[in-house]
PDB file of N, CA and C in Angstrom:
ATOM      1  N   MET A   1      92.677  75.418  30.600  1.00  0.00           N
ATOM      2  CA  MET A   1      92.505  76.458  31.578  1.00  0.00           C
ATOM      3  C   MET A   1      91.099  77.044  31.497  1.00  0.00           C
ATOM      4  N   LEU A   2      90.609  77.318  30.283  1.00  0.00           N
ATOM      5  CA  LEU A   2      89.267  77.860  30.108  1.00  0.00           C
ATOM      6  C   LEU A   2      88.225  76.882  30.629  1.00  0.00           C
ATOM      7  N   LYS A   3      88.411  75.613  30.307  1.00  0.00           N
ATOM      8  CA  LYS A   3      87.489  74.585  30.774  1.00  0.00           C
ATOM      9  C   LYS A   3      87.444  74.569  32.299  1.00  0.00           C
ATOM     10  N   THR A   4      88.579  74.631  32.943  1.00  0.00           N
ATOM     11  CA  THR A   4      88.648  74.624  34.398  1.00  0.00           C
ATOM     12  C   THR A   4      87.985  75.864  34.970  1.00  0.00           C
ATOM     13  N   SER A   5      88.227  77.011  34.373  1.00  0.00           N
ATOM     14  CA  SER A   5      87.662  78.260  34.857  1.00  0.00           C
ATOM     15  C   SER A   5      86.132  78.229  34.831  1.00  0.00           C
ATOM     16  N   PHE A   6      85.542  77.817  33.696  1.00  0.00           N
ATOM     17  CA  PHE A   6      84.088  77.750  33.602  1.00  0.00           C
ATOM     18  C   PHE A   6      83.518  76.710  34.546  1.00  0.00           C
ATOM     19  N   THR A   7      84.166  75.573  34.650  1.00  0.00           N
ATOM     20  CA  THR A   7      83.679  74.514  35.527  1.00  0.00           C
ATOM     21  C   THR A   7      83.698  74.970  36.975  1.00  0.00           C
ATOM     22  N   GLN A   8      84.774  75.629  37.399  1.00  0.00           N
ATOM     23  CA  GLN A   8      84.865  76.100  38.774  1.00  0.00           C
ATOM     24  C   GLN A   8      83.833  77.183  39.047  1.00  0.00           C
ATOM     25  N   ARG A   9      83.655  78.126  38.123  1.00  0.00           N
ATOM     26  CA  ARG A   9      82.680  79.187  38.336  1.00  0.00           C
ATOM     27  C   ARG A   9      81.275  78.616  38.435  1.00  0.00           C
ATOM     28  N   ASN A  10      80.940  77.702  37.546  1.00  0.00           N
ATOM     29  CA  ASN A  10      79.616  77.101  37.564  1.00  0.00           C
ATOM     30  C   ASN A  10      79.396  76.269  38.811  1.00  0.00           C
ATOM     31  N   ALA A  11      80.415  75.586  39.277  1.00  0.00           N
ATOM     32  CA  ALA A  11      80.282  74.796  40.499  1.00  0.00           C
ATOM     33  C   ALA A  11      80.027  75.700  41.695  1.00  0.00           C
ATOM     34  N   ARG A  12      80.705  76.856  41.736  1.00  0.00           N
ATOM     35  CA  ARG A  12      80.498  77.792  42.845  1.00  0.00           C
ATOM     36  C   ARG A  12      79.128  78.436  42.775  1.00  0.00           C
ATOM     37  N   SER A  13      78.689  78.817  41.568  1.00  0.00           N
ATOM     38  CA  SER A  13      77.457  79.586  41.442  1.00  0.00           C
ATOM     39  C   SER A  13      76.189  78.741  41.509  1.00  0.00           C
ATOM     40  N   SER A  14      76.276  77.455  41.255  1.00  0.00           N
ATOM     41  CA  SER A  14      75.044  76.666  41.247  1.00  0.00           C
ATOM     42  C   SER A  14      75.177  75.362  42.023  1.00  0.00           C
ATOM     43  N   GLY A  15      76.058  75.329  42.962  1.00  0.00           N
ATOM     44  CA  GLY A  15      76.168  74.149  43.799  1.00  0.00           C
ATOM     45  C   GLY A  15      76.720  72.937  43.071  1.00  0.00           C
ATOM     46  N   GLY A  16      77.427  73.111  41.985  1.00  0.00           N
ATOM     47  CA  GLY A  16      78.051  71.997  41.285  1.00  0.00           C
ATOM     48  C   GLY A  16      77.171  71.317  40.262  1.00  0.00           C
ATOM     49  N   SER A  17      75.963  71.813  40.024  1.00  0.00           N
ATOM     50  CA  SER A  17      75.058  71.125  39.114  1.00  0.00           C
ATOM     51  C   SER A  17      75.309  71.487  37.646  1.00  0.00           C
ATOM     52  N   ARG A  18      75.988  72.589  37.371  1.00  0.00           N
ATOM     53  CA  ARG A  18      76.258  73.006  35.992  1.00  0.00           C
ATOM     54  C   ARG A  18      77.679  72.634  35.624  1.00  0.00           C
ATOM     55  N   GLY A  19      77.846  72.130  34.433  1.00  0.00           N
ATOM     56  CA  GLY A  19      79.172  71.755  33.986  1.00  0.00           C
ATOM     57  C   GLY A  19      79.526  72.417  32.679  1.00  0.00           C
ATOM     58  N   LEU A  20      80.573  71.930  32.090  1.00  0.00           N
ATOM     59  CA  LEU A  20      81.050  72.480  30.833  1.00  0.00           C
ATOM     60  C   LEU A  20      80.019  72.306  29.719  1.00  0.00           C
ATOM     61  N   LYS A  21      79.299  71.194  29.721  1.00  0.00           N
ATOM     62  CA  LYS A  21      78.277  70.969  28.697  1.00  0.00           C
ATOM     63  C   LYS A  21      77.185  72.030  28.785  1.00  0.00           C
ATOM     64  N   ASP A  22      76.759  72.361  29.984  1.00  0.00           N
ATOM     65  CA  ASP A  22      75.741  73.401  30.146  1.00  0.00           C
ATOM     66  C   ASP A  22      76.260  74.757  29.674  1.00  0.00           C
ATOM     67  N   THR A  23      77.514  75.032  29.957  1.00  0.00           N
ATOM     68  CA  THR A  23      78.121  76.284  29.519  1.00  0.00           C
ATOM     69  C   THR A  23      78.196  76.332  28.000  1.00  0.00           C
ATOM     70  N   ALA A  24      78.589  75.228  27.385  1.00  0.00           N
ATOM     71  CA  ALA A  24      78.654  75.167  25.926  1.00  0.00           C
ATOM     72  C   ALA A  24      77.261  75.319  25.317  1.00  0.00           C
ATOM     73  N   ASP A  25      76.260  74.721  25.948  1.00  0.00           N
ATOM     74  CA  ASP A  25      74.882  74.866  25.471  1.00  0.00           C
ATOM     75  C   ASP A  25      74.443  76.325  25.546  1.00  0.00           C
ATOM     76  N   ASP A  26      74.769  76.999  26.652  1.00  0.00           N
ATOM     77  CA  ASP A  26      74.426  78.411  26.793  1.00  0.00           C
ATOM     78  C   ASP A  26      75.096  79.244  25.709  1.00  0.00           C
ATOM     79  N   ALA A  27      76.363  78.960  25.441  1.00  0.00           N
ATOM     80  CA  ALA A  27      77.098  79.693  24.408  1.00  0.00           C
ATOM     81  C   ALA A  27      76.472  79.471  23.035  1.00  0.00           C
ATOM     82  N   ALA A  28      76.065  78.253  22.755  1.00  0.00           N
ATOM     83  CA  ALA A  28      75.448  77.945  21.465  1.00  0.00           C
ATOM     84  C   ALA A  28      74.126  78.682  21.302  1.00  0.00           C
ATOM     85  N   VAL A  29      73.304  78.685  22.335  1.00  0.00           N
ATOM     86  CA  VAL A  29      72.013  79.381  22.273  1.00  0.00           C
ATOM     87  C   VAL A  29      72.223  80.875  22.062  1.00  0.00           C
ATOM     88  N   ALA A  30      73.160  81.448  22.793  1.00  0.00           N
ATOM     89  CA  ALA A  30      73.437  82.884  22.653  1.00  0.00           C
ATOM     90  C   ALA A  30      73.979  83.196  21.261  1.00  0.00           C
ATOM     91  N   GLY A  31      74.878  82.364  20.778  1.00  0.00           N
ATOM     92  CA  GLY A  31      75.440  82.579  19.445  1.00  0.00           C
ATOM     93  C   GLY A  31      74.389  82.488  18.356  1.00  0.00           C
ATOM     94  N   ILE A  32      73.499  81.533  18.470  1.00  0.00           N
ATOM     95  CA  ILE A  32      72.419  81.381  17.491  1.00  0.00           C
ATOM     96  C   ILE A  32      71.479  82.583  17.542  1.00  0.00           C
ATOM     97  N   SER A  33      71.179  83.070  18.732  1.00  0.00           N
ATOM     98  CA  SER A  33      70.328  84.254  18.868  1.00  0.00           C
ATOM     99  C   SER A  33      70.950  85.452  18.169  1.00  0.00           C
ATOM    100  N   MET A  34      72.250  85.653  18.379  1.00  0.00           N
ATOM    101  CA  MET A  34      72.929  86.785  17.752  1.00  0.00           C
ATOM    102  C   MET A  34      73.015  86.611  16.236  1.00  0.00           C
ATOM    103  N   LEU A  35      73.279  85.413  15.779  1.00  0.00           N
ATOM    104  CA  LEU A  35      73.341  85.163  14.338  1.00  0.00           C
ATOM    105  C   LEU A  35      71.986  85.411  13.682  1.00  0.00           C
ATOM    106  N   LYS A  36      70.942  84.970  14.332  1.00  0.00           N
ATOM    107  CA  LYS A  36      69.592  85.190  13.814  1.00  0.00           C
ATOM    108  C   LYS A  36      69.299  86.699  13.700  1.00  0.00           C
ATOM    109  N   GLY A  37      69.664  87.453  14.719  1.00  0.00           N
ATOM    110  CA  GLY A  37      69.467  88.898  14.682  1.00  0.00           C
ATOM    111  C   GLY A  37      70.281  89.566  13.592  1.00  0.00           C
ATOM    112  N   PHE A  38      71.501  89.098  13.400  1.00  0.00           N
ATOM    113  CA  PHE A  38      72.354  89.648  12.346  1.00  0.00           C
ATOM    114  C   PHE A  38      71.738  89.395  10.971  1.00  0.00           C
ATOM    115  N   VAL A  39      71.287  88.179  10.726  1.00  0.00           N
ATOM    116  CA  VAL A  39      70.684  87.850   9.428  1.00  0.00           C
ATOM    117  C   VAL A  39      69.433  88.686   9.199  1.00  0.00           C
ATOM    118  N   ARG A  40      68.595  88.785  10.210  1.00  0.00           N
ATOM    119  CA  ARG A  40      67.382  89.599  10.072  1.00  0.00           C
ATOM    120  C   ARG A  40      67.738  91.051   9.786  1.00  0.00           C
ATOM    121  N   SER A  41      68.782  91.549  10.442  1.00  0.00           N
ATOM    122  CA  SER A  41      69.213  92.933  10.221  1.00  0.00           C
ATOM    123  C   SER A  41      69.714  93.135   8.801  1.00  0.00           C
ATOM    124  N   ALA A  42      70.479  92.191   8.313  1.00  0.00           N
ATOM    125  CA  ALA A  42      71.024  92.299   6.962  1.00  0.00           C
ATOM    126  C   ALA A  42      69.932  92.235   5.898  1.00  0.00           C
ATOM    127  N   LEU A  43      68.841  91.560   6.194  1.00  0.00           N
ATOM    128  CA  LEU A  43      67.774  91.385   5.215  1.00  0.00           C
ATOM    129  C   LEU A  43      66.712  92.477   5.252  1.00  0.00           C
ATOM    130  N   THR A  44      66.714  93.305   6.264  1.00  0.00           N
ATOM    131  CA  THR A  44      65.681  94.322   6.382  1.00  0.00           C
ATOM    132  C   THR A  44      65.996  95.536   5.515  1.00  0.00           C
ATOM    133  N   ALA A  45      64.987  96.321   5.237  1.00  0.00           N
ATOM    134  CA  ALA A  45      65.160  97.468   4.351  1.00  0.00           C
ATOM    135  C   ALA A  45      65.300  98.790   5.098  1.00  0.00           C
ATOM    136  N   GLU A  46      65.169  98.794   6.395  1.00  0.00           N
ATOM    137  CA  GLU A  46      65.151 100.045   7.155  1.00  0.00           C
ATOM    138  C   GLU A  46      66.150  99.996   8.307  1.00  0.00           C
ATOM    139  N   SER A  47      66.863 101.092   8.531  1.00  0.00           N
ATOM    140  CA  SER A  47      67.894 101.113   9.572  1.00  0.00           C
ATOM    141  C   SER A  47      67.310 100.951  10.972  1.00  0.00           C
ATOM    142  N   THR A  48      66.132 101.497  11.225  1.00  0.00           N
ATOM    143  CA  THR A  48      65.516 101.340  12.545  1.00  0.00           C
ATOM    144  C   THR A  48      65.202  99.871  12.820  1.00  0.00           C
ATOM    145  N   CYS A  49      64.752  99.174  11.807  1.00  0.00           N
ATOM    146  CA  CYS A  49      64.458  97.744  11.974  1.00  0.00           C
ATOM    147  C   CYS A  49      65.745  96.935  12.128  1.00  0.00           C
ATOM    148  N   MET A  50      66.819  97.368  11.463  1.00  0.00           N
ATOM    149  CA  MET A  50      68.104  96.710  11.666  1.00  0.00           C
ATOM    150  C   MET A  50      68.499  96.786  13.139  1.00  0.00           C
ATOM    151  N   GLN A  51      68.357  97.961  13.707  1.00  0.00           N
ATOM    152  CA  GLN A  51      68.696  98.160  15.111  1.00  0.00           C
ATOM    153  C   GLN A  51      67.789  97.343  16.024  1.00  0.00           C
ATOM    154  N   ARG A  52      66.522  97.283  15.684  1.00  0.00           N
ATOM    155  CA  ARG A  52      65.599  96.501  16.508  1.00  0.00           C
ATOM    156  C   ARG A  52      65.973  95.024  16.499  1.00  0.00           C
ATOM    157  N   HIS A  53      66.346  94.484  15.348  1.00  0.00           N
ATOM    158  CA  HIS A  53      66.720  93.074  15.270  1.00  0.00           C
ATOM    159  C   HIS A  53      67.973  92.782  16.095  1.00  0.00           C
ATOM    160  N   ILE A  54      68.941  93.691  16.043  1.00  0.00           N
ATOM    161  CA  ILE A  54      70.143  93.529  16.859  1.00  0.00           C
ATOM    162  C   ILE A  54      69.775  93.613  18.344  1.00  0.00           C
ATOM    163  N   CYS A  55      68.933  94.554  18.684  1.00  0.00           N
ATOM    164  CA  CYS A  55      68.474  94.713  20.072  1.00  0.00           C
ATOM    165  C   CYS A  55      67.767  93.450  20.560  1.00  0.00           C
ATOM    166  N   ASP A  56      66.823  92.945  19.763  1.00  0.00           N
ATOM    167  CA  ASP A  56      66.093  91.723  20.127  1.00  0.00           C
ATOM    168  C   ASP A  56      67.031  90.537  20.299  1.00  0.00           C
ATOM    169  N   ALA A  57      68.009  90.421  19.408  1.00  0.00           N
ATOM    170  CA  ALA A  57      68.952  89.302  19.472  1.00  0.00           C
ATOM    171  C   ALA A  57      69.807  89.385  20.730  1.00  0.00           C
ATOM    172  N   ALA A  58      70.297  90.569  21.041  1.00  0.00           N
ATOM    173  CA  ALA A  58      71.119  90.741  22.241  1.00  0.00           C
ATOM    174  C   ALA A  58      70.300  90.481  23.500  1.00  0.00           C
ATOM    175  N   ALA A  59      69.049  90.900  23.498  1.00  0.00           N
ATOM    176  CA  ALA A  59      68.176  90.647  24.645  1.00  0.00           C
ATOM    177  C   ALA A  59      67.947  89.148  24.831  1.00  0.00           C
ATOM    178  N   ALA A  60      67.677  88.459  23.737  1.00  0.00           N
ATOM    179  CA  ALA A  60      67.447  87.017  23.814  1.00  0.00           C
ATOM    180  C   ALA A  60      68.704  86.277  24.268  1.00  0.00           C
ATOM    181  N   ALA A  61      69.845  86.656  23.728  1.00  0.00           N
ATOM    182  CA  ALA A  61      71.099  86.000  24.110  1.00  0.00           C
ATOM    183  C   ALA A  61      71.385  86.204  25.591  1.00  0.00           C
ATOM    184  N   SER A  62      71.187  87.405  26.073  1.00  0.00           N
ATOM    185  CA  SER A  62      71.444  87.701  27.486  1.00  0.00           C
ATOM    186  C   SER A  62      70.455  87.000  28.399  1.00  0.00           C
ATOM    187  N   ARG A  63      69.209  86.965  28.001  1.00  0.00           N
ATOM    188  CA  ARG A  63      68.150  86.393  28.821  1.00  0.00           C
ATOM    189  C   ARG A  63      68.226  84.865  28.876  1.00  0.00           C
ATOM    190  N   GLU A  64      68.473  84.246  27.755  1.00  0.00           N
ATOM    191  CA  GLU A  64      68.393  82.791  27.661  1.00  0.00           C
ATOM    192  C   GLU A  64      69.671  82.070  28.050  1.00  0.00           C
ATOM    193  N   SER A  65      70.787  82.766  28.090  1.00  0.00           N
ATOM    194  CA  SER A  65      72.058  82.080  28.255  1.00  0.00           C
ATOM    195  C   SER A  65      72.878  82.553  29.441  1.00  0.00           C
ATOM    196  N   ARG A  66      72.233  83.116  30.421  1.00  0.00           N
ATOM    197  CA  ARG A  66      72.886  83.515  31.661  1.00  0.00           C
ATOM    198  C   ARG A  66      74.053  84.467  31.436  1.00  0.00           C
ATOM    199  N   GLU A  67      75.071  84.394  32.268  1.00  0.00           N
ATOM    200  CA  GLU A  67      76.180  85.350  32.191  1.00  0.00           C
ATOM    201  C   GLU A  67      77.001  85.220  30.912  1.00  0.00           C
ATOM    202  N   LEU A  68      77.121  84.049  30.368  1.00  0.00           N
ATOM    203  CA  LEU A  68      77.867  83.869  29.127  1.00  0.00           C
ATOM    204  C   LEU A  68      77.117  84.499  27.955  1.00  0.00           C
ATOM    205  N   GLY A  69      75.800  84.476  27.992  1.00  0.00           N
ATOM    206  CA  GLY A  69      74.994  85.098  26.944  1.00  0.00           C
ATOM    207  C   GLY A  69      75.209  86.594  26.871  1.00  0.00           C
ATOM    208  N   TYR A  70      75.382  87.223  28.020  1.00  0.00           N
ATOM    209  CA  TYR A  70      75.642  88.663  28.044  1.00  0.00           C
ATOM    210  C   TYR A  70      76.944  88.969  27.322  1.00  0.00           C
ATOM    211  N   LEU A  71      77.967  88.183  27.586  1.00  0.00           N
ATOM    212  CA  LEU A  71      79.266  88.378  26.941  1.00  0.00           C
ATOM    213  C   LEU A  71      79.182  88.147  25.430  1.00  0.00           C
ATOM    214  N   ILE A  72      78.493  87.102  25.030  1.00  0.00           N
ATOM    215  CA  ILE A  72      78.341  86.811  23.603  1.00  0.00           C
ATOM    216  C   ILE A  72      77.515  87.902  22.923  1.00  0.00           C
ATOM    217  N   ALA A  73      76.493  88.410  23.604  1.00  0.00           N
ATOM    218  CA  ALA A  73      75.696  89.507  23.058  1.00  0.00           C
ATOM    219  C   ALA A  73      76.554  90.758  22.885  1.00  0.00           C
ATOM    220  N   GLN A  74      77.470  90.995  23.811  1.00  0.00           N
ATOM    221  CA  GLN A  74      78.335  92.155  23.715  1.00  0.00           C
ATOM    222  C   GLN A  74      79.294  92.024  22.522  1.00  0.00           C
ATOM    223  N   VAL A  75      79.945  90.891  22.407  1.00  0.00           N
ATOM    224  CA  VAL A  75      80.879  90.665  21.305  1.00  0.00           C
ATOM    225  C   VAL A  75      80.127  90.623  19.973  1.00  0.00           C
ATOM    226  N   GLY A  76      78.995  89.936  19.941  1.00  0.00           N
ATOM    227  CA  GLY A  76      78.199  89.848  18.721  1.00  0.00           C
ATOM    228  C   GLY A  76      77.666  91.199  18.277  1.00  0.00           C
ATOM    229  N   GLY A  77      77.259  92.021  19.224  1.00  0.00           N
ATOM    230  CA  GLY A  77      76.793  93.363  18.888  1.00  0.00           C
ATOM    231  C   GLY A  77      77.904  94.220  18.319  1.00  0.00           C
ATOM    232  N   TYR A  78      79.076  94.082  18.883  1.00  0.00           N
ATOM    233  CA  TYR A  78      80.240  94.822  18.390  1.00  0.00           C
ATOM    234  C   TYR A  78      80.587  94.384  16.967  1.00  0.00           C
ATOM    235  N   ALA A  79      80.627  93.078  16.741  1.00  0.00           N
ATOM    236  CA  ALA A  79      80.956  92.563  15.408  1.00  0.00           C
ATOM    237  C   ALA A  79      79.888  92.956  14.384  1.00  0.00           C
ATOM    238  N   SER A  80      78.630  92.820  14.765  1.00  0.00           N
ATOM    239  CA  SER A  80      77.536  93.177  13.857  1.00  0.00           C
ATOM    240  C   SER A  80      77.578  94.645  13.477  1.00  0.00           C
ATOM    241  N   SER A  81      77.930  95.484  14.434  1.00  0.00           N
ATOM    242  CA  SER A  81      77.951  96.920  14.153  1.00  0.00           C
ATOM    243  C   SER A  81      78.947  97.266  13.052  1.00  0.00           C
ATOM    244  N   TYR A  82      80.057  96.551  12.996  1.00  0.00           N
ATOM    245  CA  TYR A  82      81.034  96.819  11.943  1.00  0.00           C
ATOM    246  C   TYR A  82      80.666  96.171  10.621  1.00  0.00           C
ATOM    247  N   VAL A  83      80.080  95.004  10.669  1.00  0.00           N
ATOM    248  CA  VAL A  83      79.693  94.332   9.431  1.00  0.00           C
ATOM    249  C   VAL A  83      78.535  95.079   8.766  1.00  0.00           C
ATOM    250  N   LEU A  84      77.610  95.582   9.568  1.00  0.00           N
ATOM    251  CA  LEU A  84      76.440  96.267   9.022  1.00  0.00           C
ATOM    252  C   LEU A  84      76.699  97.748   8.732  1.00  0.00           C
ATOM    253  N   ASP A  85      77.886  98.238   9.053  1.00  0.00           N
ATOM    254  CA  ASP A  85      78.222  99.649   8.865  1.00  0.00           C
ATOM    255  C   ASP A  85      77.949 100.092   7.429  1.00  0.00           C
ATOM    256  N   GLY A  86      77.162 101.133   7.295  1.00  0.00           N
ATOM    257  CA  GLY A  86      76.886 101.699   5.983  1.00  0.00           C
ATOM    258  C   GLY A  86      75.717 101.067   5.243  1.00  0.00           C
ATOM    259  N   GLN A  87      75.244  99.925   5.692  1.00  0.00           N
ATOM    260  CA  GLN A  87      74.107  99.295   5.017  1.00  0.00           C
ATOM    261  C   GLN A  87      72.826 100.028   5.389  1.00  0.00           C
ATOM    262  N   LYS A  88      72.116 100.475   4.412  1.00  0.00           N
ATOM    263  CA  LYS A  88      70.818 101.121   4.592  1.00  0.00           C
ATOM    264  C   LYS A  88      70.871 102.257   5.615  1.00  0.00           C
ATOM    265  N   GLY A  89      71.981 102.981   5.627  1.00  0.00           N
ATOM    266  CA  GLY A  89      72.102 104.131   6.519  1.00  0.00           C
ATOM    267  C   GLY A  89      72.506 103.797   7.943  1.00  0.00           C
ATOM    268  N   ALA A  90      72.878 102.568   8.214  1.00  0.00           N
ATOM    269  CA  ALA A  90      73.260 102.177   9.571  1.00  0.00           C
ATOM    270  C   ALA A  90      74.648 102.715   9.909  1.00  0.00           C
ATOM    271  N   THR A  91      74.834 103.057  11.162  1.00  0.00           N
ATOM    272  CA  THR A  91      76.155 103.460  11.644  1.00  0.00           C
ATOM    273  C   THR A  91      76.596 102.464  12.707  1.00  0.00           C
ATOM    274  N   PRO A  92      77.898 102.280  12.873  1.00  0.00           N
ATOM    275  CA  PRO A  92      78.362 101.338  13.903  1.00  0.00           C
ATOM    276  C   PRO A  92      77.872 101.712  15.298  1.00  0.00           C
ATOM    277  N   ASN A  93      77.855 103.003  15.600  1.00  0.00           N
ATOM    278  CA  ASN A  93      77.408 103.418  16.927  1.00  0.00           C
ATOM    279  C   ASN A  93      75.947 103.064  17.178  1.00  0.00           C
ATOM    280  N   ALA A  94      75.107 103.245  16.170  1.00  0.00           N
ATOM    281  CA  ALA A  94      73.682 102.946  16.337  1.00  0.00           C
ATOM    282  C   ALA A  94      73.453 101.450  16.534  1.00  0.00           C
ATOM    283  N   SER A  95      74.154 100.626  15.775  1.00  0.00           N
ATOM    284  CA  SER A  95      74.004  99.176  15.916  1.00  0.00           C
ATOM    285  C   SER A  95      74.549  98.684  17.251  1.00  0.00           C
ATOM    286  N   TYR A  96      75.691  99.218  17.648  1.00  0.00           N
ATOM    287  CA  TYR A  96      76.260  98.811  18.932  1.00  0.00           C
ATOM    288  C   TYR A  96      75.375  99.264  20.086  1.00  0.00           C
ATOM    289  N   GLU A  97      74.808 100.458  19.974  1.00  0.00           N
ATOM    290  CA  GLU A  97      73.893 100.963  21.001  1.00  0.00           C
ATOM    291  C   GLU A  97      72.646 100.073  21.079  1.00  0.00           C
ATOM    292  N   ALA A  98      72.173  99.598  19.945  1.00  0.00           N
ATOM    293  CA  ALA A  98      71.019  98.698  19.935  1.00  0.00           C
ATOM    294  C   ALA A  98      71.333  97.411  20.705  1.00  0.00           C
ATOM    295  N   ALA A  99      72.531  96.877  20.508  1.00  0.00           N
ATOM    296  CA  ALA A  99      72.937  95.667  21.246  1.00  0.00           C
ATOM    297  C   ALA A  99      73.036  95.962  22.740  1.00  0.00           C
ATOM    298  N   ARG A 100      73.545  97.137  23.093  1.00  0.00           N
ATOM    299  CA  ARG A 100      73.651  97.507  24.505  1.00  0.00           C
ATOM    300  C   ARG A 100      72.264  97.627  25.146  1.00  0.00           C
ATOM    301  N   ILE A 101      71.350  98.221  24.418  1.00  0.00           N
ATOM    302  CA  ILE A 101      69.979  98.364  24.924  1.00  0.00           C
ATOM    303  C   ILE A 101      69.359  96.982  25.151  1.00  0.00           C
ATOM    304  N   GLY A 102      69.553  96.078  24.205  1.00  0.00           N
ATOM    305  CA  GLY A 102      69.029  94.724  24.355  1.00  0.00           C
ATOM    306  C   GLY A 102      69.637  93.992  25.538  1.00  0.00           C
ATOM    307  N   ARG A 103      70.952  94.097  25.701  1.00  0.00           N
ATOM    308  CA  ARG A 103      71.623  93.442  26.834  1.00  0.00           C
ATOM    309  C   ARG A 103      71.133  93.974  28.170  1.00  0.00           C
ATOM    310  N   SER A 104      70.750  95.247  28.196  1.00  0.00           N
ATOM    311  CA  SER A 104      70.319  95.859  29.453  1.00  0.00           C
ATOM    312  C   SER A 104      68.935  95.397  29.896  1.00  0.00           C
ATOM    313  N   GLY A 105      68.220  94.731  28.993  1.00  0.00           N
ATOM    314  CA  GLY A 105      66.897  94.224  29.343  1.00  0.00           C
ATOM    315  C   GLY A 105      65.751  95.151  28.973  1.00  0.00           C
ATOM    316  N   ALA A 106      66.040  96.212  28.244  1.00  0.00           N
ATOM    317  CA  ALA A 106      64.995  97.146  27.826  1.00  0.00           C
ATOM    318  C   ALA A 106      64.047  96.474  26.828  1.00  0.00           C
ATOM    319  N   ASP A 107      62.884  97.063  26.665  1.00  0.00           N
ATOM    320  CA  ASP A 107      61.893  96.565  25.718  1.00  0.00           C
ATOM    321  C   ASP A 107      62.233  97.081  24.321  1.00  0.00           C
ATOM    322  N   CYS A 108      62.838  96.228  23.509  1.00  0.00           N
ATOM    323  CA  CYS A 108      63.285  96.627  22.169  1.00  0.00           C
ATOM    324  C   CYS A 108      62.115  97.072  21.298  1.00  0.00           C
ATOM    325  N   LYS A 109      60.980  96.444  21.470  1.00  0.00           N
ATOM    326  CA  LYS A 109      59.807  96.799  20.675  1.00  0.00           C
ATOM    327  C   LYS A 109      59.383  98.241  20.963  1.00  0.00           C
ATOM    328  N   ALA A 110      59.459  98.650  22.215  1.00  0.00           N
ATOM    329  CA  ALA A 110      59.092 100.014  22.578  1.00  0.00           C
ATOM    330  C   ALA A 110      60.157 101.017  22.149  1.00  0.00           C
ATOM    331  N   VAL A 111      61.419 100.674  22.340  1.00  0.00           N
ATOM    332  CA  VAL A 111      62.512 101.585  21.983  1.00  0.00           C
ATOM    333  C   VAL A 111      62.536 101.838  20.480  1.00  0.00           C
ATOM    334  N   TYR A 112      62.318 100.792  19.706  1.00  0.00           N
ATOM    335  CA  TYR A 112      62.351 100.912  18.242  1.00  0.00           C
ATOM    336  C   TYR A 112      60.932 100.762  17.677  1.00  0.00           C
ATOM    337  N   SER A 113      60.003 101.498  18.239  1.00  0.00           N
ATOM    338  CA  SER A 113      58.598 101.385  17.851  1.00  0.00           C
ATOM    339  C   SER A 113      58.328 101.853  16.429  1.00  0.00           C
ATOM    340  N   SER A 114      59.230 102.619  15.854  1.00  0.00           N
ATOM    341  CA  SER A 114      59.016 103.065  14.471  1.00  0.00           C
ATOM    342  C   SER A 114      59.315 101.968  13.454  1.00  0.00           C
ATOM    343  N   CYS A 115      59.849 100.848  13.896  1.00  0.00           N
ATOM    344  CA  CYS A 115      60.058  99.701  13.011  1.00  0.00           C
ATOM    345  C   CYS A 115      58.720  98.991  12.872  1.00  0.00           C
ATOM    346  N   VAL A 116      58.205  98.973  11.666  1.00  0.00           N
ATOM    347  CA  VAL A 116      56.868  98.427  11.449  1.00  0.00           C
ATOM    348  C   VAL A 116      56.838  97.206  10.540  1.00  0.00           C
ATOM    349  N   GLU A 117      58.013  96.668  10.204  1.00  0.00           N
ATOM    350  CA  GLU A 117      57.989  95.486   9.336  1.00  0.00           C
ATOM    351  C   GLU A 117      57.438  94.291  10.096  1.00  0.00           C
ATOM    352  N   LYS A 118      56.944  93.342   9.356  1.00  0.00           N
ATOM    353  CA  LYS A 118      56.347  92.138   9.925  1.00  0.00           C
ATOM    354  C   LYS A 118      57.413  91.315  10.652  1.00  0.00           C
ATOM    355  N   GLN A 119      57.131  90.903  11.875  1.00  0.00           N
ATOM    356  CA  GLN A 119      58.080  90.148  12.706  1.00  0.00           C
ATOM    357  C   GLN A 119      57.709  88.668  12.696  1.00  0.00           C
ATOM    358  N   GLU A 120      58.320  87.890  11.787  1.00  0.00           N
ATOM    359  CA  GLU A 120      57.969  86.465  11.690  1.00  0.00           C
ATOM    360  C   GLU A 120      59.091  85.526  12.064  1.00  0.00           C
ATOM    361  N   LEU A 121      60.353  85.899  11.892  1.00  0.00           N
ATOM    362  CA  LEU A 121      61.457  84.987  12.144  1.00  0.00           C
ATOM    363  C   LEU A 121      61.640  84.697  13.596  1.00  0.00           C
TER     364      LEU A 121
END
């Protein structure tokens, strides 16, 4: 049923050129973006930078993976907020808000400008 639903939606929205493989690829890219942000958040020493990494990950997932990326960014942000709860002063609301800001397309670098750690990953 899920396979049929995605295939039908993609056929309607893009003239039949997108299939289940493209949807799975989008999901994988979004999932990897969120996982990367989670790992970066867990490894950072400052709560503002944790939020920035979650924000950046949600923005990338939403931007690179179309409508499915937005959903994965939402679920990933929710899950990350609970896993990171209490680490380095983080609160679930702050982490979830960071994911929401990223999904909305805001400039995470500007919103979390007080995060000054080196951005290499």
